[in-house]
Amino acid sequence: MDSRSTEELGSSSIKSVALNIISQVTFRLVTFILNAYILRHIHSDVMGLINVRLNLLFDTILFMSREAFRLACLGHRGKEGWEGVLNLMWLSVPVACLWSTLLGWVWL
């Protein structure tokens, strides 16, 4: 590597780090402002009801979609036969989509 490519690499790395820091601070500031606005303008009863119900819905969807995979991994012993467990792994995304659709319909 010559010194010119090293300098270009260093300057592009510094530029990338600076843009990353600026974007992180901006997104965190926007999130904070939106959360403050929502907390100030929504009634506390509504906020509590939605917060509890959405957390329950989220936890239920995650539990239903990941429990079968977790149990398959815990029940598997040894180094052979992981093909079945890996076949279960790809099912977690469609199962989560199915559960979120069904439970979201029930929630609404």
PDB file of N, CA and C in Angstrom:
ATOM      1  N   MET A   1       0.846  -1.180   0.000  1.00  0.00           N
ATOM      2  CA  MET A   1       0.000   0.000   0.000  1.00  0.00           C
ATOM      3  C   MET A   1       0.886   1.236   0.000  1.00  0.00           C
ATOM      4  N   ASP A   2       0.517   2.179  -0.823  1.00  0.00           N
ATOM      5  CA  ASP A   2       1.284   3.409  -0.807  1.00  0.00           C
ATOM      6  C   ASP A   2       0.672   4.383   0.193  1.00  0.00           C
ATOM      7  N   SER A   3       1.349   5.479   0.415  1.00  0.00           N
ATOM      8  CA  SER A   3       0.908   6.428   1.442  1.00  0.00           C
ATOM      9  C   SER A   3      -0.369   7.147   1.038  1.00  0.00           C
ATOM     10  N   ARG A   4      -0.596   7.314  -0.276  1.00  0.00           N
ATOM     11  CA  ARG A   4      -1.803   8.004  -0.731  1.00  0.00           C
ATOM     12  C   ARG A   4      -3.053   7.184  -0.413  1.00  0.00           C
ATOM     13  N   SER A   5      -3.028   5.869  -0.668  1.00  0.00           N
ATOM     14  CA  SER A   5      -4.190   5.027  -0.379  1.00  0.00           C
ATOM     15  C   SER A   5      -4.414   4.906   1.124  1.00  0.00           C
ATOM     16  N   THR A   6      -3.327   4.928   1.905  1.00  0.00           N
ATOM     17  CA  THR A   6      -3.463   4.894   3.360  1.00  0.00           C
ATOM     18  C   THR A   6      -4.122   6.163   3.873  1.00  0.00           C
ATOM     19  N   GLU A   7      -3.737   7.312   3.301  1.00  0.00           N
ATOM     20  CA  GLU A   7      -4.355   8.577   3.711  1.00  0.00           C
ATOM     21  C   GLU A   7      -5.821   8.622   3.321  1.00  0.00           C
ATOM     22  N   GLU A   8      -6.161   8.131   2.123  1.00  0.00           N
ATOM     23  CA  GLU A   8      -7.554   8.099   1.685  1.00  0.00           C
ATOM     24  C   GLU A   8      -8.382   7.172   2.565  1.00  0.00           C
ATOM     25  N   LEU A   9      -7.802   6.053   2.936  1.00  0.00           N
ATOM     26  CA  LEU A   9      -8.497   5.118   3.813  1.00  0.00           C
ATOM     27  C   LEU A   9      -8.742   5.744   5.179  1.00  0.00           C
ATOM     28  N   GLY A  10      -7.729   6.437   5.699  1.00  0.00           N
ATOM     29  CA  GLY A  10      -7.877   7.093   6.997  1.00  0.00           C
ATOM     30  C   GLY A  10      -8.910   8.201   6.967  1.00  0.00           C
ATOM     31  N   SER A  11      -8.909   9.024   5.911  1.00  0.00           N
ATOM     32  CA  SER A  11      -9.875  10.123   5.837  1.00  0.00           C
ATOM     33  C   SER A  11     -11.293   9.593   5.625  1.00  0.00           C
ATOM     34  N   SER A  12     -11.455   8.528   4.831  1.00  0.00           N
ATOM     35  CA  SER A  12     -12.802   7.973   4.651  1.00  0.00           C
ATOM     36  C   SER A  12     -13.294   7.306   5.932  1.00  0.00           C
ATOM     37  N   SER A  13     -12.402   6.709   6.704  1.00  0.00           N
ATOM     38  CA  SER A  13     -12.797   6.108   7.982  1.00  0.00           C
ATOM     39  C   SER A  13     -13.240   7.171   8.963  1.00  0.00           C
ATOM     40  N   ILE A  14     -12.501   8.275   9.020  1.00  0.00           N
ATOM     41  CA  ILE A  14     -12.874   9.371   9.924  1.00  0.00           C
ATOM     42  C   ILE A  14     -14.208   9.965   9.510  1.00  0.00           C
ATOM     43  N   LYS A  15     -14.428  10.117   8.202  1.00  0.00           N
ATOM     44  CA  LYS A  15     -15.694  10.649   7.716  1.00  0.00           C
ATOM     45  C   LYS A  15     -16.842   9.707   8.072  1.00  0.00           C
ATOM     46  N   SER A  16     -16.630   8.403   7.935  1.00  0.00           N
ATOM     47  CA  SER A  16     -17.669   7.420   8.265  1.00  0.00           C
ATOM     48  C   SER A  16     -17.998   7.442   9.751  1.00  0.00           C
ATOM     49  N   VAL A  17     -16.973   7.542  10.583  1.00  0.00           N
ATOM     50  CA  VAL A  17     -17.195   7.595  12.029  1.00  0.00           C
ATOM     51  C   VAL A  17     -17.963   8.859  12.396  1.00  0.00           C
ATOM     52  N   ALA A  18     -17.606   9.997  11.805  1.00  0.00           N
ATOM     53  CA  ALA A  18     -18.291  11.252  12.107  1.00  0.00           C
ATOM     54  C   ALA A  18     -19.755  11.189  11.680  1.00  0.00           C
ATOM     55  N   LEU A  19     -20.028  10.650  10.492  1.00  0.00           N
ATOM     56  CA  LEU A  19     -21.415  10.528  10.042  1.00  0.00           C
ATOM     57  C   LEU A  19     -22.212   9.564  10.915  1.00  0.00           C
ATOM     58  N   ASN A  20     -21.575   8.503  11.368  1.00  0.00           N
ATOM     59  CA  ASN A  20     -22.242   7.549  12.254  1.00  0.00           C
ATOM     60  C   ASN A  20     -22.611   8.210  13.575  1.00  0.00           C
ATOM     61  N   ILE A  21     -21.695   8.964  14.147  1.00  0.00           N
ATOM     62  CA  ILE A  21     -21.971   9.641  15.414  1.00  0.00           C
ATOM     63  C   ILE A  21     -23.074  10.673  15.248  1.00  0.00           C
ATOM     64  N   ILE A  22     -23.014  11.449  14.172  1.00  0.00           N
ATOM     65  CA  ILE A  22     -24.045  12.464  13.933  1.00  0.00           C
ATOM     66  C   ILE A  22     -25.409  11.820  13.741  1.00  0.00           C
ATOM     67  N   SER A  23     -25.475  10.736  12.979  1.00  0.00           N
ATOM     68  CA  SER A  23     -26.768  10.078  12.773  1.00  0.00           C
ATOM     69  C   SER A  23     -27.302   9.459  14.058  1.00  0.00           C
ATOM     70  N   GLN A  24     -26.442   8.867  14.882  1.00  0.00           N
ATOM     71  CA  GLN A  24     -26.881   8.300  16.157  1.00  0.00           C
ATOM     72  C   GLN A  24     -27.454   9.374  17.077  1.00  0.00           C
ATOM     73  N   VAL A  25     -26.755  10.484  17.195  1.00  0.00           N
ATOM     74  CA  VAL A  25     -27.230  11.577  18.061  1.00  0.00           C
ATOM     75  C   VAL A  25     -28.540  12.140  17.530  1.00  0.00           C
ATOM     76  N   THR A  26     -28.644  12.294  16.209  1.00  0.00           N
ATOM     77  CA  THR A  26     -29.871  12.825  15.617  1.00  0.00           C
ATOM     78  C   THR A  26     -31.051  11.890  15.860  1.00  0.00           C
ATOM     79  N   PHE A  27     -30.871  10.601  15.617  1.00  0.00           N
ATOM     80  CA  PHE A  27     -31.974   9.665  15.819  1.00  0.00           C
ATOM     81  C   PHE A  27     -32.381   9.576  17.285  1.00  0.00           C
ATOM     82  N   ARG A  28     -31.429   9.605  18.178  1.00  0.00           N
ATOM     83  CA  ARG A  28     -31.771   9.562  19.608  1.00  0.00           C
ATOM     84  C   ARG A  28     -32.497  10.823  20.044  1.00  0.00           C
ATOM     85  N   LEU A  29     -32.107  11.968  19.502  1.00  0.00           N
ATOM     86  CA  LEU A  29     -32.771  13.225  19.830  1.00  0.00           C
ATOM     87  C   LEU A  29     -34.194  13.237  19.290  1.00  0.00           C
ATOM     88  N   VAL A  30     -34.391  12.795  18.058  1.00  0.00           N
ATOM     89  CA  VAL A  30     -35.736  12.729  17.487  1.00  0.00           C
ATOM     90  C   VAL A  30     -36.616  11.758  18.268  1.00  0.00           C
ATOM     91  N   THR A  31     -36.072  10.612  18.644  1.00  0.00           N
ATOM     92  CA  THR A  31     -36.829   9.648  19.437  1.00  0.00           C
ATOM     93  C   THR A  31     -37.223  10.227  20.791  1.00  0.00           C
ATOM     94  N   PHE A  32     -36.300  10.926  21.437  1.00  0.00           N
ATOM     95  CA  PHE A  32     -36.602  11.540  22.720  1.00  0.00           C
ATOM     96  C   PHE A  32     -37.702  12.591  22.589  1.00  0.00           C
ATOM     97  N   ILE A  33     -37.632  13.415  21.567  1.00  0.00           N
ATOM     98  CA  ILE A  33     -38.643  14.464  21.376  1.00  0.00           C
ATOM     99  C   ILE A  33     -40.007  13.848  21.088  1.00  0.00           C
ATOM    100  N   LEU A  34     -40.062  12.825  20.247  1.00  0.00           N
ATOM    101  CA  LEU A  34     -41.344  12.171  19.957  1.00  0.00           C
ATOM    102  C   LEU A  34     -41.925  11.484  21.190  1.00  0.00           C
ATOM    103  N   ASN A  35     -41.083  10.828  21.970  1.00  0.00           N
ATOM    104  CA  ASN A  35     -41.573  10.196  23.200  1.00  0.00           C
ATOM    105  C   ASN A  35     -42.087  11.230  24.182  1.00  0.00           C
ATOM    106  N   ALA A  36     -41.391  12.346  24.319  1.00  0.00           N
ATOM    107  CA  ALA A  36     -41.852  13.407  25.226  1.00  0.00           C
ATOM    108  C   ALA A  36     -43.187  13.974  24.758  1.00  0.00           C
ATOM    109  N   TYR A  37     -43.339  14.166  23.463  1.00  0.00           N
ATOM    110  CA  TYR A  37     -44.601  14.676  22.921  1.00  0.00           C
ATOM    111  C   TYR A  37     -45.741  13.697  23.182  1.00  0.00           C
ATOM    112  N   ILE A  38     -45.495  12.416  22.935  1.00  0.00           N
ATOM    113  CA  ILE A  38     -46.533  11.408  23.151  1.00  0.00           C
ATOM    114  C   ILE A  38     -46.908  11.328  24.623  1.00  0.00           C
ATOM    115  N   LEU A  39     -45.918  11.316  25.507  1.00  0.00           N
ATOM    116  CA  LEU A  39     -46.213  11.218  26.936  1.00  0.00           C
ATOM    117  C   LEU A  39     -46.971  12.431  27.448  1.00  0.00           C
ATOM    118  N   ARG A  40     -46.732  13.583  26.875  1.00  0.00           N
ATOM    119  CA  ARG A  40     -47.404  14.796  27.336  1.00  0.00           C
ATOM    120  C   ARG A  40     -48.834  14.897  26.823  1.00  0.00           C
ATOM    121  N   HIS A  41     -49.119  14.351  25.645  1.00  0.00           N
ATOM    122  CA  HIS A  41     -50.420  14.572  25.019  1.00  0.00           C
ATOM    123  C   HIS A  41     -51.378  13.389  25.087  1.00  0.00           C
ATOM    124  N   ILE A  42     -50.955  12.244  25.577  1.00  0.00           N
ATOM    125  CA  ILE A  42     -51.852  11.100  25.705  1.00  0.00           C
ATOM    126  C   ILE A  42     -52.220  10.936  27.178  1.00  0.00           C
ATOM    127  N   HIS A  43     -53.492  10.666  27.423  1.00  0.00           N
ATOM    128  CA  HIS A  43     -53.968  10.487  28.789  1.00  0.00           C
ATOM    129  C   HIS A  43     -53.311   9.260  29.418  1.00  0.00           C
ATOM    130  N   SER A  44     -53.051   9.320  30.700  1.00  0.00           N
ATOM    131  CA  SER A  44     -52.310   8.247  31.371  1.00  0.00           C
ATOM    132  C   SER A  44     -53.073   6.922  31.388  1.00  0.00           C
ATOM    133  N   ASP A  45     -54.394   6.952  31.448  1.00  0.00           N
ATOM    134  CA  ASP A  45     -55.172   5.711  31.415  1.00  0.00           C
ATOM    135  C   ASP A  45     -55.012   4.994  30.068  1.00  0.00           C
ATOM    136  N   VAL A  46     -55.082   5.764  29.009  1.00  0.00           N
ATOM    137  CA  VAL A  46     -54.921   5.193  27.675  1.00  0.00           C
ATOM    138  C   VAL A  46     -53.494   4.668  27.504  1.00  0.00           C
ATOM    139  N   MET A  47     -52.526   5.433  27.974  1.00  0.00           N
ATOM    140  CA  MET A  47     -51.125   5.020  27.853  1.00  0.00           C
ATOM    141  C   MET A  47     -50.871   3.724  28.623  1.00  0.00           C
ATOM    142  N   GLY A  48     -51.413   3.596  29.820  1.00  0.00           N
ATOM    143  CA  GLY A  48     -51.236   2.382  30.601  1.00  0.00           C
ATOM    144  C   GLY A  48     -51.885   1.173  29.950  1.00  0.00           C
ATOM    145  N   LEU A  49     -53.092   1.363  29.443  1.00  0.00           N
ATOM    146  CA  LEU A  49     -53.806   0.266  28.790  1.00  0.00           C
ATOM    147  C   LEU A  49     -53.063  -0.204  27.543  1.00  0.00           C
ATOM    148  N   ILE A  50     -52.642   0.729  26.720  1.00  0.00           N
ATOM    149  CA  ILE A  50     -51.932   0.368  25.490  1.00  0.00           C
ATOM    150  C   ILE A  50     -50.577  -0.250  25.819  1.00  0.00           C
ATOM    151  N   ASN A  51     -49.880   0.310  26.794  1.00  0.00           N
ATOM    152  CA  ASN A  51     -48.560  -0.202  27.147  1.00  0.00           C
ATOM    153  C   ASN A  51     -48.638  -1.645  27.642  1.00  0.00           C
ATOM    154  N   VAL A  52     -49.590  -1.941  28.503  1.00  0.00           N
ATOM    155  CA  VAL A  52     -49.726  -3.296  29.037  1.00  0.00           C
ATOM    156  C   VAL A  52     -50.157  -4.265  27.937  1.00  0.00           C
ATOM    157  N   ARG A  53     -51.138  -3.876  27.142  1.00  0.00           N
ATOM    158  CA  ARG A  53     -51.641  -4.771  26.101  1.00  0.00           C
ATOM    159  C   ARG A  53     -50.612  -5.013  25.009  1.00  0.00           C
ATOM    160  N   LEU A  54     -49.884  -3.975  24.606  1.00  0.00           N
ATOM    161  CA  LEU A  54     -48.877  -4.173  23.559  1.00  0.00           C
ATOM    162  C   LEU A  54     -47.708  -5.012  24.050  1.00  0.00           C
ATOM    163  N   ASN A  55     -47.283  -4.811  25.297  1.00  0.00           N
ATOM    164  CA  ASN A  55     -46.215  -5.646  25.853  1.00  0.00           C
ATOM    165  C   ASN A  55     -46.650  -7.097  25.958  1.00  0.00           C
ATOM    166  N   LEU A  56     -47.884  -7.326  26.374  1.00  0.00           N
ATOM    167  CA  LEU A  56     -48.405  -8.688  26.450  1.00  0.00           C
ATOM    168  C   LEU A  56     -48.474  -9.322  25.064  1.00  0.00           C
ATOM    169  N   LEU A  57     -48.946  -8.573  24.082  1.00  0.00           N
ATOM    170  CA  LEU A  57     -49.019  -9.073  22.709  1.00  0.00           C
ATOM    171  C   LEU A  57     -47.622  -9.395  22.178  1.00  0.00           C
ATOM    172  N   PHE A  58     -46.679  -8.507  22.382  1.00  0.00           N
ATOM    173  CA  PHE A  58     -45.316  -8.700  21.905  1.00  0.00           C
ATOM    174  C   PHE A  58     -44.678  -9.926  22.560  1.00  0.00           C
ATOM    175  N   ASP A  59     -44.807 -10.055  23.876  1.00  0.00           N
ATOM    176  CA  ASP A  59     -44.227 -11.197  24.578  1.00  0.00           C
ATOM    177  C   ASP A  59     -44.876 -12.515  24.157  1.00  0.00           C
ATOM    178  N   THR A  60     -46.187 -12.503  23.933  1.00  0.00           N
ATOM    179  CA  THR A  60     -46.886 -13.712  23.506  1.00  0.00           C
ATOM    180  C   THR A  60     -46.423 -14.151  22.123  1.00  0.00           C
ATOM    181  N   ILE A  61     -46.283 -13.200  21.204  1.00  0.00           N
ATOM    182  CA  ILE A  61     -45.829 -13.534  19.853  1.00  0.00           C
ATOM    183  C   ILE A  61     -44.419 -14.106  19.887  1.00  0.00           C
ATOM    184  N   LEU A  62     -43.531 -13.488  20.645  1.00  0.00           N
ATOM    185  CA  LEU A  62     -42.164 -13.997  20.733  1.00  0.00           C
ATOM    186  C   LEU A  62     -42.114 -15.387  21.363  1.00  0.00           C
ATOM    187  N   PHE A  63     -42.907 -15.602  22.414  1.00  0.00           N
ATOM    188  CA  PHE A  63     -42.919 -16.906  23.066  1.00  0.00           C
ATOM    189  C   PHE A  63     -43.434 -17.980  22.123  1.00  0.00           C
ATOM    190  N   MET A  64     -44.546 -17.705  21.458  1.00  0.00           N
ATOM    191  CA  MET A  64     -45.148 -18.705  20.581  1.00  0.00           C
ATOM    192  C   MET A  64     -44.256 -19.029  19.388  1.00  0.00           C
ATOM    193  N   SER A  65     -43.520 -18.051  18.884  1.00  0.00           N
ATOM    194  CA  SER A  65     -42.719 -18.305  17.694  1.00  0.00           C
ATOM    195  C   SER A  65     -41.365 -18.920  18.012  1.00  0.00           C
ATOM    196  N   ARG A  66     -40.838 -18.745  19.219  1.00  0.00           N
ATOM    197  CA  ARG A  66     -39.497 -19.244  19.534  1.00  0.00           C
ATOM    198  C   ARG A  66     -39.457 -20.464  20.438  1.00  0.00           C
ATOM    199  N   GLU A  67     -40.550 -20.803  21.054  1.00  0.00           N
ATOM    200  CA  GLU A  67     -40.523 -21.877  22.047  1.00  0.00           C
ATOM    201  C   GLU A  67     -40.188 -23.231  21.434  1.00  0.00           C
ATOM    202  N   ALA A  68     -40.734 -23.545  20.276  1.00  0.00           N
ATOM    203  CA  ALA A  68     -40.457 -24.845  19.660  1.00  0.00           C
ATOM    204  C   ALA A  68     -38.984 -24.976  19.298  1.00  0.00           C
ATOM    205  N   PHE A  69     -38.400 -23.929  18.769  1.00  0.00           N
ATOM    206  CA  PHE A  69     -36.982 -23.962  18.427  1.00  0.00           C
ATOM    207  C   PHE A  69     -36.119 -24.090  19.676  1.00  0.00           C
ATOM    208  N   ARG A  70     -36.486 -23.386  20.730  1.00  0.00           N
ATOM    209  CA  ARG A  70     -35.718 -23.443  21.976  1.00  0.00           C
ATOM    210  C   ARG A  70     -35.755 -24.858  22.556  1.00  0.00           C
ATOM    211  N   LEU A  71     -36.919 -25.471  22.562  1.00  0.00           N
ATOM    212  CA  LEU A  71     -37.033 -26.824  23.087  1.00  0.00           C
ATOM    213  C   LEU A  71     -36.294 -27.836  22.226  1.00  0.00           C
ATOM    214  N   ALA A  72     -36.307 -27.638  20.913  1.00  0.00           N
ATOM    215  CA  ALA A  72     -35.572 -28.549  20.033  1.00  0.00           C
ATOM    216  C   ALA A  72     -34.070 -28.453  20.282  1.00  0.00           C
ATOM    217  N   CYS A  73     -33.579 -27.254  20.507  1.00  0.00           N
ATOM    218  CA  CYS A  73     -32.141 -27.085  20.784  1.00  0.00           C
ATOM    219  C   CYS A  73     -31.773 -27.665  22.146  1.00  0.00           C
ATOM    220  N   LEU A  74     -32.634 -27.495  23.131  1.00  0.00           N
ATOM    221  CA  LEU A  74     -32.338 -28.029  24.461  1.00  0.00           C
ATOM    222  C   LEU A  74     -32.394 -29.552  24.491  1.00  0.00           C
ATOM    223  N   GLY A  75     -33.286 -30.132  23.704  1.00  0.00           N
ATOM    224  CA  GLY A  75     -33.443 -31.582  23.710  1.00  0.00           C
ATOM    225  C   GLY A  75     -32.440 -32.319  22.845  1.00  0.00           C
ATOM    226  N   HIS A  76     -31.694 -31.589  22.050  1.00  0.00           N
ATOM    227  CA  HIS A  76     -30.736 -32.229  21.143  1.00  0.00           C
ATOM    228  C   HIS A  76     -29.402 -32.438  21.851  1.00  0.00           C
ATOM    229  N   ARG A  77     -28.900 -33.641  21.745  1.00  0.00           N
ATOM    230  CA  ARG A  77     -27.607 -33.983  22.339  1.00  0.00           C
ATOM    231  C   ARG A  77     -26.681 -34.495  21.242  1.00  0.00           C
ATOM    232  N   GLY A  78     -25.432 -34.210  21.355  1.00  0.00           N
ATOM    233  CA  GLY A  78     -24.458 -34.751  20.420  1.00  0.00           C
ATOM    234  C   GLY A  78     -24.140 -33.808  19.278  1.00  0.00           C
ATOM    235  N   LYS A  79     -23.238 -34.291  18.430  1.00  0.00           N
ATOM    236  CA  LYS A  79     -22.779 -33.476  17.315  1.00  0.00           C
ATOM    237  C   LYS A  79     -23.496 -33.805  16.014  1.00  0.00           C
ATOM    238  N   GLU A  80     -24.146 -34.936  15.914  1.00  0.00           N
ATOM    239  CA  GLU A  80     -24.846 -35.316  14.699  1.00  0.00           C
ATOM    240  C   GLU A  80     -26.331 -34.991  14.830  1.00  0.00           C
ATOM    241  N   GLY A  81     -26.969 -34.878  13.687  1.00  0.00           N
ATOM    242  CA  GLY A  81     -28.413 -34.705  13.670  1.00  0.00           C
ATOM    243  C   GLY A  81     -28.885 -33.276  13.847  1.00  0.00           C
ATOM    244  N   TRP A  82     -28.050 -32.306  13.586  1.00  0.00           N
ATOM    245  CA  TRP A  82     -28.464 -30.916  13.732  1.00  0.00           C
ATOM    246  C   TRP A  82     -29.278 -30.433  12.538  1.00  0.00           C
ATOM    247  N   GLU A  83     -29.426 -31.280  11.503  1.00  0.00           N
ATOM    248  CA  GLU A  83     -30.174 -30.860  10.328  1.00  0.00           C
ATOM    249  C   GLU A  83     -31.632 -30.555  10.680  1.00  0.00           C
ATOM    250  N   GLY A  84     -32.209 -31.389  11.527  1.00  0.00           N
ATOM    251  CA  GLY A  84     -33.593 -31.153  11.941  1.00  0.00           C
ATOM    252  C   GLY A  84     -33.751 -29.869  12.725  1.00  0.00           C
ATOM    253  N   VAL A  85     -32.789 -29.573  13.567  1.00  0.00           N
ATOM    254  CA  VAL A  85     -32.843 -28.332  14.347  1.00  0.00           C
ATOM    255  C   VAL A  85     -32.686 -27.129  13.423  1.00  0.00           C
ATOM    256  N   LEU A  86     -31.785 -27.243  12.454  1.00  0.00           N
ATOM    257  CA  LEU A  86     -31.608 -26.145  11.505  1.00  0.00           C
ATOM    258  C   LEU A  86     -32.834 -25.961  10.620  1.00  0.00           C
ATOM    259  N   ASN A  87     -33.523 -27.063  10.313  1.00  0.00           N
ATOM    260  CA  ASN A  87     -34.768 -26.934   9.557  1.00  0.00           C
ATOM    261  C   ASN A  87     -35.834 -26.222  10.374  1.00  0.00           C
ATOM    262  N   LEU A  88     -35.810 -26.397  11.685  1.00  0.00           N
ATOM    263  CA  LEU A  88     -36.745 -25.665  12.540  1.00  0.00           C
ATOM    264  C   LEU A  88     -36.386 -24.185  12.636  1.00  0.00           C
ATOM    265  N   MET A  89     -35.113 -23.871  12.485  1.00  0.00           N
ATOM    266  CA  MET A  89     -34.671 -22.495  12.654  1.00  0.00           C
ATOM    267  C   MET A  89     -35.343 -21.560  11.653  1.00  0.00           C
ATOM    268  N   TRP A  90     -35.426 -21.963  10.409  1.00  0.00           N
ATOM    269  CA  TRP A  90     -36.017 -21.075   9.412  1.00  0.00           C
ATOM    270  C   TRP A  90     -37.510 -20.905   9.625  1.00  0.00           C
ATOM    271  N   LEU A  91     -38.128 -21.789  10.369  1.00  0.00           N
ATOM    272  CA  LEU A  91     -39.564 -21.685  10.627  1.00  0.00           C
ATOM    273  C   LEU A  91     -39.917 -20.577  11.620  1.00  0.00           C
ATOM    274  N   SER A  92     -38.961 -20.079  12.379  1.00  0.00           N
ATOM    275  CA  SER A  92     -39.295 -19.087  13.399  1.00  0.00           C
ATOM    276  C   SER A  92     -39.826 -17.784  12.790  1.00  0.00           C
ATOM    277  N   VAL A  93     -39.339 -17.383  11.627  1.00  0.00           N
ATOM    278  CA  VAL A  93     -39.832 -16.149  11.002  1.00  0.00           C
ATOM    279  C   VAL A  93     -41.258 -16.305  10.482  1.00  0.00           C
ATOM    280  N   PRO A  94     -41.595 -17.348   9.699  1.00  0.00           N
ATOM    281  CA  PRO A  94     -42.986 -17.464   9.268  1.00  0.00           C
ATOM    282  C   PRO A  94     -43.957 -17.710  10.422  1.00  0.00           C
ATOM    283  N   VAL A  95     -43.510 -18.449  11.424  1.00  0.00           N
ATOM    284  CA  VAL A  95     -44.384 -18.678  12.576  1.00  0.00           C
ATOM    285  C   VAL A  95     -44.639 -17.376  13.311  1.00  0.00           C
ATOM    286  N   ALA A  96     -43.610 -16.536  13.460  1.00  0.00           N
ATOM    287  CA  ALA A  96     -43.794 -15.231  14.101  1.00  0.00           C
ATOM    288  C   ALA A  96     -44.747 -14.355  13.291  1.00  0.00           C
ATOM    289  N   CYS A  97     -44.634 -14.400  11.965  1.00  0.00           N
ATOM    290  CA  CYS A  97     -45.555 -13.629  11.119  1.00  0.00           C
ATOM    291  C   CYS A  97     -46.992 -14.133  11.270  1.00  0.00           C
ATOM    292  N   LEU A  98     -47.142 -15.445  11.314  1.00  0.00           N
ATOM    293  CA  LEU A  98     -48.478 -16.020  11.484  1.00  0.00           C
ATOM    294  C   LEU A  98     -49.080 -15.623  12.824  1.00  0.00           C
ATOM    295  N   TRP A  99     -48.318 -15.802  13.900  1.00  0.00           N
ATOM    296  CA  TRP A  99     -48.820 -15.451  15.224  1.00  0.00           C
ATOM    297  C   TRP A  99     -49.098 -13.956  15.343  1.00  0.00           C
ATOM    298  N   SER A 100     -48.233 -13.128  14.775  1.00  0.00           N
ATOM    299  CA  SER A 100     -48.467 -11.692  14.879  1.00  0.00           C
ATOM    300  C   SER A 100     -49.708 -11.280  14.099  1.00  0.00           C
ATOM    301  N   THR A 101     -49.971 -11.927  12.971  1.00  0.00           N
ATOM    302  CA  THR A 101     -51.188 -11.626  12.223  1.00  0.00           C
ATOM    303  C   THR A 101     -52.424 -12.054  12.995  1.00  0.00           C
ATOM    304  N   LEU A 102     -52.402 -13.284  13.509  1.00  0.00           N
ATOM    305  CA  LEU A 102     -53.574 -13.775  14.250  1.00  0.00           C
ATOM    306  C   LEU A 102     -53.804 -12.995  15.539  1.00  0.00           C
ATOM    307  N   LEU A 103     -52.779 -12.823  16.321  1.00  0.00           N
ATOM    308  CA  LEU A 103     -52.954 -12.127  17.593  1.00  0.00           C
ATOM    309  C   LEU A 103     -53.164 -10.643  17.416  1.00  0.00           C
ATOM    310  N   GLY A 104     -52.595 -10.055  16.361  1.00  0.00           N
ATOM    311  CA  GLY A 104     -52.868  -8.649  16.073  1.00  0.00           C
ATOM    312  C   GLY A 104     -54.317  -8.426  15.690  1.00  0.00           C
ATOM    313  N   TRP A 105     -54.883  -9.386  14.927  1.00  0.00           N
ATOM    314  CA  TRP A 105     -56.302  -9.300  14.582  1.00  0.00           C
ATOM    315  C   TRP A 105     -57.177  -9.412  15.830  1.00  0.00           C
ATOM    316  N   VAL A 106     -56.799 -10.303  16.742  1.00  0.00           N
ATOM    317  CA  VAL A 106     -57.552 -10.446  17.994  1.00  0.00           C
ATOM    318  C   VAL A 106     -57.421  -9.192  18.837  1.00  0.00           C
ATOM    319  N   TRP A 107     -56.225  -8.597  18.856  1.00  0.00           N
ATOM    320  CA  TRP A 107     -55.983  -7.405  19.687  1.00  0.00           C
ATOM    321  C   TRP A 107     -56.785  -6.220  19.197  1.00  0.00           C
ATOM    322  N   LEU A 108     -56.904  -6.085  17.864  1.00  0.00           N
ATOM    323  CA  LEU A 108     -57.662  -4.960  17.326  1.00  0.00           C
ATOM    324  C   LEU A 108     -59.137  -5.195  17.485  1.00  0.00           C
TER     325      LEU A 108
END
